[in-house]
N, C-alpha and C. Protein backbone atom coordinates (compact mmCIF):
# COMPACT_ATOMS: atom_id res chain seq x y z
N MET A 1 18.77 -13.82 -21.24
CA MET A 1 17.65 -14.08 -20.34
C MET A 1 18.01 -13.60 -18.93
N SER A 2 17.06 -13.01 -18.22
CA SER A 2 17.30 -12.51 -16.88
C SER A 2 17.51 -13.67 -15.92
N GLU A 3 18.30 -13.40 -14.87
CA GLU A 3 18.53 -14.40 -13.84
C GLU A 3 17.26 -14.63 -13.05
N ARG A 4 16.95 -15.88 -12.74
CA ARG A 4 15.76 -16.21 -11.96
C ARG A 4 16.11 -16.04 -10.48
N LEU A 5 15.37 -15.19 -9.80
CA LEU A 5 15.70 -14.84 -8.42
C LEU A 5 14.56 -15.18 -7.48
N TYR A 6 14.90 -15.76 -6.33
CA TYR A 6 13.88 -16.04 -5.30
C TYR A 6 13.85 -14.84 -4.35
N LEU A 7 12.90 -13.94 -4.58
CA LEU A 7 12.86 -12.67 -3.84
C LEU A 7 11.71 -12.56 -2.85
N TYR A 8 10.76 -13.48 -2.93
CA TYR A 8 9.56 -13.34 -2.10
C TYR A 8 9.35 -14.59 -1.24
N PRO A 9 9.95 -14.60 -0.04
CA PRO A 9 9.77 -15.76 0.85
C PRO A 9 8.29 -15.90 1.24
N ILE A 10 7.96 -17.03 1.81
CA ILE A 10 6.56 -17.37 2.09
C ILE A 10 5.88 -16.34 2.98
N TRP A 11 6.62 -15.80 3.97
CA TRP A 11 5.96 -14.84 4.87
C TRP A 11 5.58 -13.56 4.14
N ILE A 12 6.40 -13.14 3.17
CA ILE A 12 6.10 -11.95 2.38
C ILE A 12 4.86 -12.19 1.52
N ARG A 13 4.79 -13.38 0.90
CA ARG A 13 3.66 -13.68 0.04
C ARG A 13 2.36 -13.77 0.82
N LEU A 14 2.40 -14.45 1.96
CA LEU A 14 1.20 -14.55 2.79
C LEU A 14 0.77 -13.18 3.29
N TRP A 15 1.75 -12.36 3.73
CA TRP A 15 1.42 -11.01 4.18
C TRP A 15 0.85 -10.20 3.03
N HIS A 16 1.45 -10.29 1.86
CA HIS A 16 1.02 -9.48 0.72
C HIS A 16 -0.42 -9.77 0.33
N TRP A 17 -0.78 -11.08 0.21
CA TRP A 17 -2.14 -11.43 -0.19
C TRP A 17 -3.15 -11.09 0.90
N THR A 18 -2.75 -11.28 2.15
CA THR A 18 -3.62 -10.88 3.27
C THR A 18 -3.88 -9.39 3.23
N ASN A 19 -2.80 -8.63 3.03
CA ASN A 19 -2.88 -7.17 2.95
C ASN A 19 -3.80 -6.73 1.81
N ALA A 20 -3.63 -7.37 0.64
CA ALA A 20 -4.43 -7.00 -0.54
C ALA A 20 -5.91 -7.25 -0.30
N ILE A 21 -6.24 -8.41 0.24
CA ILE A 21 -7.65 -8.75 0.49
C ILE A 21 -8.27 -7.80 1.52
N LEU A 22 -7.54 -7.53 2.61
CA LEU A 22 -8.05 -6.64 3.65
C LEU A 22 -8.23 -5.21 3.11
N CYS A 23 -7.29 -4.75 2.29
CA CYS A 23 -7.41 -3.41 1.71
C CYS A 23 -8.63 -3.31 0.80
N LEU A 24 -8.88 -4.35 0.01
CA LEU A 24 -10.06 -4.35 -0.85
C LEU A 24 -11.35 -4.31 -0.04
N VAL A 25 -11.39 -5.09 1.04
CA VAL A 25 -12.56 -5.08 1.93
C VAL A 25 -12.75 -3.70 2.52
N LEU A 26 -11.66 -3.07 2.95
CA LEU A 26 -11.75 -1.73 3.54
C LEU A 26 -12.19 -0.69 2.51
N ILE A 27 -11.68 -0.79 1.29
CA ILE A 27 -12.07 0.17 0.25
C ILE A 27 -13.55 0.03 -0.08
N ILE A 28 -14.00 -1.20 -0.30
CA ILE A 28 -15.41 -1.43 -0.67
C ILE A 28 -16.35 -1.01 0.46
N SER A 29 -16.04 -1.44 1.69
CA SER A 29 -16.91 -1.09 2.82
C SER A 29 -16.82 0.41 3.12
N GLY A 30 -15.63 1.00 2.98
CA GLY A 30 -15.46 2.43 3.23
C GLY A 30 -16.23 3.28 2.23
N VAL A 31 -16.17 2.89 0.94
CA VAL A 31 -16.92 3.61 -0.09
C VAL A 31 -18.42 3.49 0.18
N SER A 32 -18.86 2.31 0.59
CA SER A 32 -20.27 2.11 0.90
C SER A 32 -20.71 2.99 2.06
N LEU A 33 -19.88 3.08 3.10
CA LEU A 33 -20.21 3.91 4.26
C LEU A 33 -20.23 5.39 3.92
N GLN A 34 -19.33 5.80 3.05
CA GLN A 34 -19.13 7.22 2.79
C GLN A 34 -20.03 7.78 1.69
N TYR A 35 -20.25 7.00 0.65
CA TYR A 35 -20.85 7.58 -0.55
C TYR A 35 -22.18 6.99 -1.01
N SER A 36 -22.54 5.82 -0.53
CA SER A 36 -23.75 5.22 -1.07
C SER A 36 -25.01 5.86 -0.49
N ASN A 37 -26.07 5.81 -1.26
CA ASN A 37 -27.37 6.33 -0.85
C ASN A 37 -27.89 5.50 0.32
N PRO A 38 -28.24 6.12 1.46
CA PRO A 38 -28.72 5.36 2.62
C PRO A 38 -29.90 4.45 2.30
N GLU A 39 -30.71 4.85 1.31
CA GLU A 39 -31.87 4.03 0.94
C GLU A 39 -31.47 2.86 0.04
N TYR A 40 -30.36 3.02 -0.68
CA TYR A 40 -29.89 1.96 -1.57
C TYR A 40 -28.38 1.78 -1.38
N PRO A 41 -27.96 1.31 -0.22
CA PRO A 41 -26.52 1.21 0.05
C PRO A 41 -25.86 0.11 -0.78
N ILE A 42 -24.58 0.30 -1.04
CA ILE A 42 -23.81 -0.76 -1.72
C ILE A 42 -23.80 -1.99 -0.81
N ILE A 43 -23.53 -1.76 0.47
CA ILE A 43 -23.58 -2.79 1.50
C ILE A 43 -24.41 -2.22 2.64
N ARG A 44 -25.28 -3.02 3.22
CA ARG A 44 -26.10 -2.54 4.32
C ARG A 44 -25.23 -1.92 5.41
N PHE A 45 -25.64 -0.78 5.94
CA PHE A 45 -24.80 0.03 6.81
C PHE A 45 -24.18 -0.76 7.96
N ASP A 46 -24.97 -1.49 8.72
CA ASP A 46 -24.43 -2.21 9.88
C ASP A 46 -23.42 -3.27 9.47
N ILE A 47 -23.67 -3.91 8.31
CA ILE A 47 -22.73 -4.93 7.82
C ILE A 47 -21.44 -4.25 7.37
N ALA A 48 -21.55 -3.11 6.68
CA ALA A 48 -20.36 -2.38 6.21
C ALA A 48 -19.51 -1.92 7.38
N VAL A 49 -20.15 -1.45 8.45
CA VAL A 49 -19.41 -1.02 9.65
C VAL A 49 -18.64 -2.19 10.24
N THR A 50 -19.30 -3.33 10.38
CA THR A 50 -18.64 -4.52 10.95
C THR A 50 -17.49 -4.98 10.07
N MET A 51 -17.72 -5.03 8.75
CA MET A 51 -16.66 -5.42 7.81
C MET A 51 -15.46 -4.48 7.94
N HIS A 52 -15.74 -3.18 7.97
CA HIS A 52 -14.67 -2.18 8.02
C HIS A 52 -13.88 -2.28 9.31
N ASN A 53 -14.58 -2.45 10.42
CA ASN A 53 -13.89 -2.53 11.71
C ASN A 53 -13.02 -3.77 11.83
N ILE A 54 -13.57 -4.92 11.44
CA ILE A 54 -12.82 -6.18 11.55
C ILE A 54 -11.61 -6.16 10.62
N ALA A 55 -11.82 -5.71 9.37
CA ALA A 55 -10.70 -5.65 8.40
C ALA A 55 -9.64 -4.68 8.87
N GLY A 56 -10.05 -3.55 9.47
CA GLY A 56 -9.09 -2.57 9.98
C GLY A 56 -8.25 -3.12 11.11
N ILE A 57 -8.88 -3.86 12.02
CA ILE A 57 -8.15 -4.48 13.14
C ILE A 57 -7.15 -5.51 12.60
N LEU A 58 -7.61 -6.35 11.67
CA LEU A 58 -6.73 -7.38 11.10
C LEU A 58 -5.58 -6.76 10.31
N LEU A 59 -5.86 -5.65 9.59
CA LEU A 59 -4.80 -4.98 8.83
C LEU A 59 -3.76 -4.37 9.77
N THR A 60 -4.21 -3.87 10.91
CA THR A 60 -3.26 -3.35 11.90
C THR A 60 -2.32 -4.44 12.37
N LEU A 61 -2.87 -5.62 12.68
CA LEU A 61 -2.04 -6.75 13.11
C LEU A 61 -1.10 -7.17 11.98
N SER A 62 -1.62 -7.20 10.75
CA SER A 62 -0.80 -7.55 9.59
C SER A 62 0.36 -6.58 9.41
N TYR A 63 0.10 -5.31 9.70
CA TYR A 63 1.14 -4.30 9.55
C TYR A 63 2.30 -4.56 10.51
N PHE A 64 1.99 -4.99 11.72
CA PHE A 64 3.05 -5.30 12.67
C PHE A 64 3.89 -6.48 12.19
N VAL A 65 3.27 -7.44 11.50
CA VAL A 65 4.03 -8.55 10.91
C VAL A 65 5.01 -8.00 9.88
N PHE A 66 4.55 -7.05 9.06
CA PHE A 66 5.38 -6.43 8.04
C PHE A 66 6.58 -5.70 8.67
N VAL A 67 6.31 -4.86 9.66
CA VAL A 67 7.37 -4.07 10.30
C VAL A 67 8.39 -4.97 10.99
N ILE A 68 7.89 -5.95 11.76
CA ILE A 68 8.78 -6.87 12.47
C ILE A 68 9.57 -7.72 11.48
N GLY A 69 8.89 -8.17 10.41
CA GLY A 69 9.57 -8.97 9.39
C GLY A 69 10.70 -8.20 8.73
N ASN A 70 10.46 -6.93 8.42
CA ASN A 70 11.51 -6.11 7.79
C ASN A 70 12.64 -5.80 8.77
N ALA A 71 12.32 -5.76 10.05
CA ALA A 71 13.35 -5.45 11.05
C ALA A 71 14.27 -6.65 11.30
N PHE A 72 13.74 -7.86 11.15
CA PHE A 72 14.51 -9.03 11.54
C PHE A 72 14.80 -10.02 10.41
N THR A 73 14.48 -9.65 9.18
CA THR A 73 14.82 -10.50 8.03
C THR A 73 15.54 -9.65 6.99
N PRO A 74 16.19 -10.29 6.02
CA PRO A 74 16.91 -9.54 4.98
C PRO A 74 16.00 -8.66 4.13
N ASN A 75 14.68 -8.85 4.18
CA ASN A 75 13.78 -8.06 3.34
C ASN A 75 13.85 -6.57 3.64
N GLY A 76 14.23 -6.21 4.86
CA GLY A 76 14.30 -4.81 5.23
C GLY A 76 15.32 -4.01 4.43
N LYS A 77 16.34 -4.69 3.90
CA LYS A 77 17.40 -3.96 3.17
C LYS A 77 16.87 -3.32 1.89
N TYR A 78 15.79 -3.87 1.35
CA TYR A 78 15.26 -3.34 0.09
C TYR A 78 14.59 -1.97 0.26
N TYR A 79 14.32 -1.58 1.50
CA TYR A 79 13.66 -0.30 1.75
C TYR A 79 14.65 0.81 2.13
N LYS A 80 15.92 0.47 2.28
CA LYS A 80 16.92 1.47 2.63
C LYS A 80 17.18 2.39 1.44
N THR A 81 17.15 3.69 1.70
CA THR A 81 17.27 4.67 0.61
C THR A 81 18.35 5.70 0.90
N GLN A 82 19.13 6.01 -0.11
CA GLN A 82 20.14 7.06 0.02
C GLN A 82 19.59 8.34 -0.60
N ILE A 83 19.70 9.43 0.14
CA ILE A 83 19.20 10.71 -0.34
C ILE A 83 20.04 11.23 -1.50
N LYS A 84 21.35 11.01 -1.40
CA LYS A 84 22.26 11.50 -2.44
C LYS A 84 21.93 10.82 -3.77
N GLY A 85 21.67 11.64 -4.78
CA GLY A 85 21.39 11.12 -6.11
C GLY A 85 19.96 10.62 -6.28
N LEU A 86 19.13 10.78 -5.24
CA LEU A 86 17.77 10.24 -5.30
C LEU A 86 16.94 10.91 -6.39
N PHE A 87 17.03 12.24 -6.48
CA PHE A 87 16.22 12.96 -7.47
C PHE A 87 16.53 12.50 -8.89
N GLU A 88 17.82 12.34 -9.19
CA GLU A 88 18.22 11.93 -10.53
C GLU A 88 17.74 10.51 -10.84
N SER A 89 17.82 9.63 -9.85
CA SER A 89 17.37 8.25 -10.08
C SER A 89 15.85 8.19 -10.24
N LEU A 90 15.12 9.03 -9.50
CA LEU A 90 13.67 9.10 -9.66
C LEU A 90 13.30 9.62 -11.05
N LYS A 91 14.03 10.63 -11.48
CA LYS A 91 13.80 11.21 -12.80
C LYS A 91 14.06 10.18 -13.90
N LYS A 92 15.16 9.44 -13.76
CA LYS A 92 15.52 8.43 -14.76
C LYS A 92 14.44 7.35 -14.85
N GLN A 93 13.94 6.92 -13.69
CA GLN A 93 12.90 5.89 -13.69
C GLN A 93 11.59 6.42 -14.24
N ALA A 94 11.27 7.68 -13.94
CA ALA A 94 10.05 8.30 -14.46
C ALA A 94 10.09 8.40 -15.98
N VAL A 95 11.25 8.75 -16.52
CA VAL A 95 11.41 8.82 -17.99
C VAL A 95 11.22 7.44 -18.59
N TYR A 96 11.72 6.42 -17.93
CA TYR A 96 11.54 5.06 -18.43
C TYR A 96 10.06 4.68 -18.47
N TYR A 97 9.34 5.00 -17.38
CA TYR A 97 7.92 4.66 -17.31
C TYR A 97 7.08 5.41 -18.34
N THR A 98 7.45 6.66 -18.63
CA THR A 98 6.64 7.48 -19.53
C THR A 98 7.06 7.40 -20.99
N VAL A 99 8.33 7.05 -21.22
CA VAL A 99 8.84 7.00 -22.60
C VAL A 99 9.50 5.66 -22.91
N GLY A 100 10.47 5.31 -22.10
CA GLY A 100 11.31 4.14 -22.39
C GLY A 100 10.55 2.84 -22.52
N ILE A 101 9.53 2.67 -21.69
CA ILE A 101 8.78 1.41 -21.71
C ILE A 101 8.06 1.20 -23.05
N PHE A 102 7.73 2.31 -23.71
CA PHE A 102 7.01 2.24 -24.99
C PHE A 102 7.96 2.15 -26.18
N THR A 103 9.25 2.43 -25.93
CA THR A 103 10.24 2.34 -27.01
C THR A 103 11.16 1.13 -26.79
N HIS A 104 10.78 0.29 -25.82
CA HIS A 104 11.54 -0.92 -25.50
C HIS A 104 12.97 -0.61 -25.07
N ALA A 105 13.13 0.50 -24.35
CA ALA A 105 14.45 0.87 -23.83
C ALA A 105 14.84 -0.08 -22.71
N GLU A 106 16.13 -0.15 -22.43
CA GLU A 106 16.62 -1.01 -21.34
C GLU A 106 16.20 -0.42 -20.00
N LYS A 107 15.82 -1.28 -19.08
CA LYS A 107 15.42 -0.81 -17.75
C LYS A 107 16.60 -0.16 -17.05
N PRO A 108 16.43 1.06 -16.50
CA PRO A 108 17.55 1.71 -15.83
C PRO A 108 17.93 1.05 -14.50
N TYR A 109 16.95 0.39 -13.87
CA TYR A 109 17.20 -0.25 -12.58
C TYR A 109 16.56 -1.64 -12.57
N PRO A 110 17.18 -2.59 -13.30
CA PRO A 110 16.61 -3.94 -13.34
C PRO A 110 16.69 -4.60 -11.96
N VAL A 111 15.79 -5.55 -11.74
CA VAL A 111 15.76 -6.27 -10.47
C VAL A 111 16.99 -7.15 -10.34
N THR A 112 17.64 -7.10 -9.18
CA THR A 112 18.78 -7.96 -8.88
C THR A 112 18.57 -8.55 -7.49
N LYS A 113 19.48 -9.39 -7.08
CA LYS A 113 19.39 -10.00 -5.75
C LYS A 113 19.44 -8.94 -4.66
N ASP A 114 20.16 -7.84 -4.91
CA ASP A 114 20.31 -6.78 -3.91
C ASP A 114 19.39 -5.58 -4.14
N ARG A 115 18.64 -5.58 -5.25
CA ARG A 115 17.75 -4.44 -5.53
C ARG A 115 16.43 -4.98 -6.09
N LYS A 116 15.45 -5.08 -5.18
CA LYS A 116 14.15 -5.60 -5.59
C LYS A 116 13.27 -4.50 -6.19
N PHE A 117 13.47 -3.26 -5.73
CA PHE A 117 12.63 -2.14 -6.17
C PHE A 117 13.44 -1.11 -6.95
N ASN A 118 12.82 -0.51 -7.96
CA ASN A 118 13.46 0.64 -8.59
C ASN A 118 13.21 1.86 -7.70
N PRO A 119 13.89 2.99 -7.94
CA PRO A 119 13.78 4.15 -7.04
C PRO A 119 12.35 4.65 -6.82
N LEU A 120 11.54 4.69 -7.87
CA LEU A 120 10.16 5.16 -7.73
C LEU A 120 9.33 4.20 -6.88
N GLN A 121 9.54 2.91 -7.10
CA GLN A 121 8.85 1.92 -6.28
C GLN A 121 9.24 2.07 -4.81
N LYS A 122 10.54 2.19 -4.58
CA LYS A 122 11.03 2.26 -3.21
C LYS A 122 10.45 3.45 -2.47
N VAL A 123 10.48 4.63 -3.10
CA VAL A 123 9.96 5.83 -2.45
C VAL A 123 8.45 5.72 -2.22
N SER A 124 7.73 5.23 -3.23
CA SER A 124 6.28 5.11 -3.09
C SER A 124 5.92 4.09 -2.01
N TYR A 125 6.66 2.98 -1.92
CA TYR A 125 6.39 1.99 -0.88
C TYR A 125 6.72 2.54 0.51
N LEU A 126 7.81 3.28 0.59
CA LEU A 126 8.17 3.89 1.88
C LEU A 126 7.09 4.86 2.36
N VAL A 127 6.61 5.70 1.44
CA VAL A 127 5.57 6.67 1.80
C VAL A 127 4.28 5.95 2.20
N ALA A 128 3.90 4.95 1.39
CA ALA A 128 2.65 4.22 1.66
C ALA A 128 2.73 3.43 2.96
N MET A 129 3.83 2.70 3.14
CA MET A 129 3.91 1.76 4.26
C MET A 129 4.33 2.41 5.57
N TYR A 130 5.15 3.46 5.50
CA TYR A 130 5.67 4.03 6.74
C TYR A 130 5.12 5.42 7.06
N PHE A 131 4.24 5.94 6.19
CA PHE A 131 3.61 7.23 6.48
C PHE A 131 2.09 7.13 6.42
N PHE A 132 1.55 6.73 5.26
CA PHE A 132 0.10 6.67 5.11
C PHE A 132 -0.55 5.59 5.97
N LEU A 133 0.04 4.39 5.99
CA LEU A 133 -0.58 3.32 6.78
C LEU A 133 -0.61 3.62 8.28
N PRO A 134 0.49 4.09 8.88
CA PRO A 134 0.39 4.46 10.30
C PRO A 134 -0.68 5.52 10.56
N LEU A 135 -0.82 6.50 9.64
CA LEU A 135 -1.84 7.54 9.81
C LEU A 135 -3.24 6.97 9.69
N ILE A 136 -3.44 6.04 8.74
CA ILE A 136 -4.77 5.45 8.58
C ILE A 136 -5.14 4.63 9.80
N PHE A 137 -4.13 3.97 10.41
CA PHE A 137 -4.39 3.20 11.62
C PHE A 137 -4.73 4.11 12.80
N ILE A 138 -3.96 5.16 12.98
CA ILE A 138 -4.19 6.09 14.10
C ILE A 138 -5.58 6.71 14.00
N THR A 139 -5.94 7.19 12.80
CA THR A 139 -7.26 7.81 12.63
C THR A 139 -8.37 6.77 12.70
N GLY A 140 -8.11 5.57 12.19
CA GLY A 140 -9.11 4.50 12.23
C GLY A 140 -9.43 4.09 13.66
N TRP A 141 -8.38 3.90 14.45
CA TRP A 141 -8.60 3.54 15.85
C TRP A 141 -9.23 4.71 16.61
N GLY A 142 -8.91 5.93 16.18
CA GLY A 142 -9.54 7.10 16.79
C GLY A 142 -11.03 7.13 16.54
N LEU A 143 -11.45 6.66 15.35
CA LEU A 143 -12.88 6.60 15.05
C LEU A 143 -13.56 5.42 15.75
N LEU A 144 -12.78 4.35 15.94
CA LEU A 144 -13.33 3.17 16.63
C LEU A 144 -13.54 3.48 18.12
N PHE A 145 -12.65 4.32 18.66
CA PHE A 145 -12.76 4.74 20.07
C PHE A 145 -12.80 6.27 20.10
N PRO A 146 -13.94 6.86 19.77
CA PRO A 146 -14.04 8.34 19.62
C PRO A 146 -13.70 9.12 20.88
N GLU A 147 -13.80 8.49 22.03
CA GLU A 147 -13.48 9.20 23.28
C GLU A 147 -11.99 9.51 23.38
N THR A 148 -11.17 8.90 22.55
CA THR A 148 -9.73 9.16 22.59
C THR A 148 -9.33 10.39 21.79
N ASN A 149 -10.25 10.94 20.98
CA ASN A 149 -9.93 12.09 20.15
C ASN A 149 -9.92 13.38 20.97
N LEU A 150 -9.14 14.35 20.49
CA LEU A 150 -9.18 15.69 21.08
C LEU A 150 -10.58 16.27 20.87
N THR A 151 -11.07 16.98 21.85
CA THR A 151 -12.41 17.56 21.73
C THR A 151 -12.46 18.65 20.67
N ASN A 152 -11.38 19.46 20.64
CA ASN A 152 -11.38 20.62 19.75
C ASN A 152 -9.98 20.88 19.24
N VAL A 153 -9.85 21.11 17.92
CA VAL A 153 -8.56 21.43 17.32
C VAL A 153 -8.74 22.70 16.48
N PHE A 154 -8.23 23.82 16.98
CA PHE A 154 -8.37 25.11 16.30
C PHE A 154 -9.82 25.40 15.93
N GLY A 155 -10.70 25.14 16.85
CA GLY A 155 -12.12 25.43 16.64
C GLY A 155 -12.87 24.38 15.84
N ILE A 156 -12.19 23.28 15.47
CA ILE A 156 -12.82 22.21 14.71
C ILE A 156 -12.96 20.98 15.60
N SER A 157 -14.07 20.29 15.51
CA SER A 157 -14.28 19.07 16.27
C SER A 157 -13.16 18.08 15.97
N GLY A 158 -12.52 17.58 17.03
CA GLY A 158 -11.44 16.61 16.85
C GLY A 158 -11.92 15.36 16.14
N LEU A 159 -13.15 14.94 16.44
CA LEU A 159 -13.71 13.74 15.81
C LEU A 159 -13.93 13.97 14.31
N HIS A 160 -14.46 15.14 13.96
CA HIS A 160 -14.67 15.45 12.54
C HIS A 160 -13.34 15.54 11.79
N LEU A 161 -12.34 16.11 12.44
CA LEU A 161 -11.02 16.22 11.83
C LEU A 161 -10.41 14.84 11.61
N THR A 162 -10.57 13.97 12.58
CA THR A 162 -10.07 12.59 12.47
C THR A 162 -10.75 11.87 11.31
N ALA A 163 -12.08 12.03 11.22
CA ALA A 163 -12.84 11.38 10.14
C ALA A 163 -12.42 11.91 8.77
N LEU A 164 -12.21 13.22 8.68
CA LEU A 164 -11.78 13.83 7.41
C LEU A 164 -10.41 13.32 7.01
N LEU A 165 -9.48 13.29 7.94
CA LEU A 165 -8.13 12.81 7.66
C LEU A 165 -8.15 11.34 7.26
N HIS A 166 -8.98 10.56 7.94
CA HIS A 166 -9.10 9.12 7.64
C HIS A 166 -9.59 8.93 6.20
N GLY A 167 -10.58 9.72 5.79
CA GLY A 167 -11.11 9.61 4.44
C GLY A 167 -10.11 10.02 3.37
N ILE A 168 -9.37 11.11 3.64
CA ILE A 168 -8.37 11.60 2.68
C ILE A 168 -7.25 10.58 2.49
N ILE A 169 -6.75 10.06 3.61
CA ILE A 169 -5.65 9.08 3.54
C ILE A 169 -6.15 7.80 2.88
N GLY A 170 -7.38 7.40 3.20
CA GLY A 170 -7.96 6.22 2.57
C GLY A 170 -8.02 6.37 1.06
N PHE A 171 -8.35 7.58 0.58
CA PHE A 171 -8.38 7.84 -0.86
C PHE A 171 -6.99 7.65 -1.47
N PHE A 172 -5.97 8.22 -0.85
CA PHE A 172 -4.62 8.10 -1.39
C PHE A 172 -4.12 6.66 -1.38
N ILE A 173 -4.45 5.91 -0.33
CA ILE A 173 -4.06 4.50 -0.28
C ILE A 173 -4.78 3.71 -1.37
N SER A 174 -6.05 4.05 -1.63
CA SER A 174 -6.81 3.38 -2.69
C SER A 174 -6.16 3.64 -4.05
N VAL A 175 -5.79 4.90 -4.31
CA VAL A 175 -5.12 5.24 -5.56
C VAL A 175 -3.81 4.47 -5.69
N PHE A 176 -3.04 4.45 -4.60
CA PHE A 176 -1.76 3.73 -4.60
C PHE A 176 -1.98 2.26 -4.96
N MET A 177 -3.00 1.65 -4.36
CA MET A 177 -3.24 0.22 -4.58
C MET A 177 -3.56 -0.07 -6.04
N PHE A 178 -4.42 0.75 -6.65
CA PHE A 178 -4.81 0.49 -8.04
C PHE A 178 -3.67 0.81 -9.02
N VAL A 179 -2.86 1.82 -8.69
CA VAL A 179 -1.67 2.10 -9.51
C VAL A 179 -0.68 0.94 -9.38
N HIS A 180 -0.54 0.43 -8.17
CA HIS A 180 0.35 -0.71 -7.90
C HIS A 180 -0.09 -1.92 -8.73
N ILE A 181 -1.39 -2.19 -8.77
CA ILE A 181 -1.90 -3.32 -9.55
C ILE A 181 -1.61 -3.12 -11.04
N TYR A 182 -1.79 -1.88 -11.51
CA TYR A 182 -1.51 -1.59 -12.93
C TYR A 182 -0.03 -1.86 -13.25
N PHE A 183 0.87 -1.35 -12.40
CA PHE A 183 2.29 -1.52 -12.68
C PHE A 183 2.72 -2.98 -12.59
N CYS A 184 1.97 -3.77 -11.84
CA CYS A 184 2.27 -5.20 -11.78
C CYS A 184 2.04 -5.88 -13.12
N THR A 185 1.24 -5.26 -13.98
CA THR A 185 0.95 -5.87 -15.29
C THR A 185 2.02 -5.58 -16.33
N ILE A 186 3.00 -4.72 -16.00
CA ILE A 186 4.01 -4.37 -17.00
C ILE A 186 5.35 -5.04 -16.70
N GLY A 187 5.27 -6.29 -16.23
CA GLY A 187 6.47 -7.08 -16.02
C GLY A 187 6.90 -7.74 -17.32
N THR A 188 7.65 -8.82 -17.22
CA THR A 188 8.10 -9.55 -18.40
C THR A 188 6.90 -9.98 -19.24
N THR A 189 5.86 -10.45 -18.56
CA THR A 189 4.56 -10.71 -19.18
C THR A 189 3.51 -10.05 -18.30
N THR A 190 2.27 -10.02 -18.76
CA THR A 190 1.20 -9.37 -18.00
C THR A 190 1.03 -10.00 -16.62
N TRP A 191 1.26 -11.31 -16.53
CA TRP A 191 0.98 -12.02 -15.28
C TRP A 191 2.23 -12.43 -14.51
N SER A 192 3.41 -12.12 -15.02
CA SER A 192 4.63 -12.62 -14.38
C SER A 192 4.81 -12.10 -12.96
N ASN A 193 4.50 -10.82 -12.72
CA ASN A 193 4.65 -10.28 -11.37
C ASN A 193 3.63 -10.87 -10.39
N PHE A 194 2.44 -11.17 -10.89
CA PHE A 194 1.44 -11.81 -10.03
C PHE A 194 1.89 -13.24 -9.69
N LYS A 195 2.48 -13.91 -10.67
CA LYS A 195 2.98 -15.27 -10.45
C LYS A 195 4.09 -15.26 -9.41
N SER A 196 4.90 -14.19 -9.40
CA SER A 196 5.98 -14.08 -8.42
C SER A 196 5.44 -14.09 -6.99
N MET A 197 4.24 -13.53 -6.82
CA MET A 197 3.65 -13.49 -5.49
C MET A 197 2.92 -14.79 -5.14
N ILE A 198 3.01 -15.76 -6.04
CA ILE A 198 2.47 -17.09 -5.76
C ILE A 198 3.60 -18.08 -5.48
N ASP A 199 4.63 -18.06 -6.34
CA ASP A 199 5.71 -19.02 -6.16
C ASP A 199 6.99 -18.43 -5.57
N GLY A 200 7.08 -17.09 -5.46
CA GLY A 200 8.23 -16.45 -4.83
C GLY A 200 9.37 -16.10 -5.77
N TRP A 201 9.29 -16.54 -7.04
CA TRP A 201 10.40 -16.35 -7.98
C TRP A 201 10.13 -15.15 -8.91
N HIS A 202 11.17 -14.33 -9.07
CA HIS A 202 11.12 -13.24 -10.05
C HIS A 202 11.92 -13.69 -11.27
């Protein structure tokens, strides 16, 4: 039997659920703003704008909690990555996800007290949290305060470029979130990883 580990302190759990709810609000309101028929919107336009703006502001504040928490608590160590051997470890984990998991192979990188994430998780979380999220915030605030955008970028409206980038990054974050939810279902049981984010124990 695997060792029972307390890996998710209360601040991580509160941040995680806050983050998840705000992201869902942003995805739903963003899709409504971008793709719904103006005559039959998913959410009425003015309400969707307000929802999107408030959730975006709150997610920005939540992000600072995440960054500060990782800087001043032991949780930050789980995001440290060594470049040497990274490709091989990513390949090994990818093989496990595509083949090993269906043949009941042993996990190449089981969770331990010092390793909460496998290599693929670590890289994907680093990209999502330290690259995509800062970009979504910068472009989001740029749309909230359009006067801060460059007027022209290589002959393209700075505001249009900001909006395009915001939409593209939002799409990738949405994909990441739904893939993340799927992978949460392949723990010891379907619900064990979700339970970990309630009681803190893996």
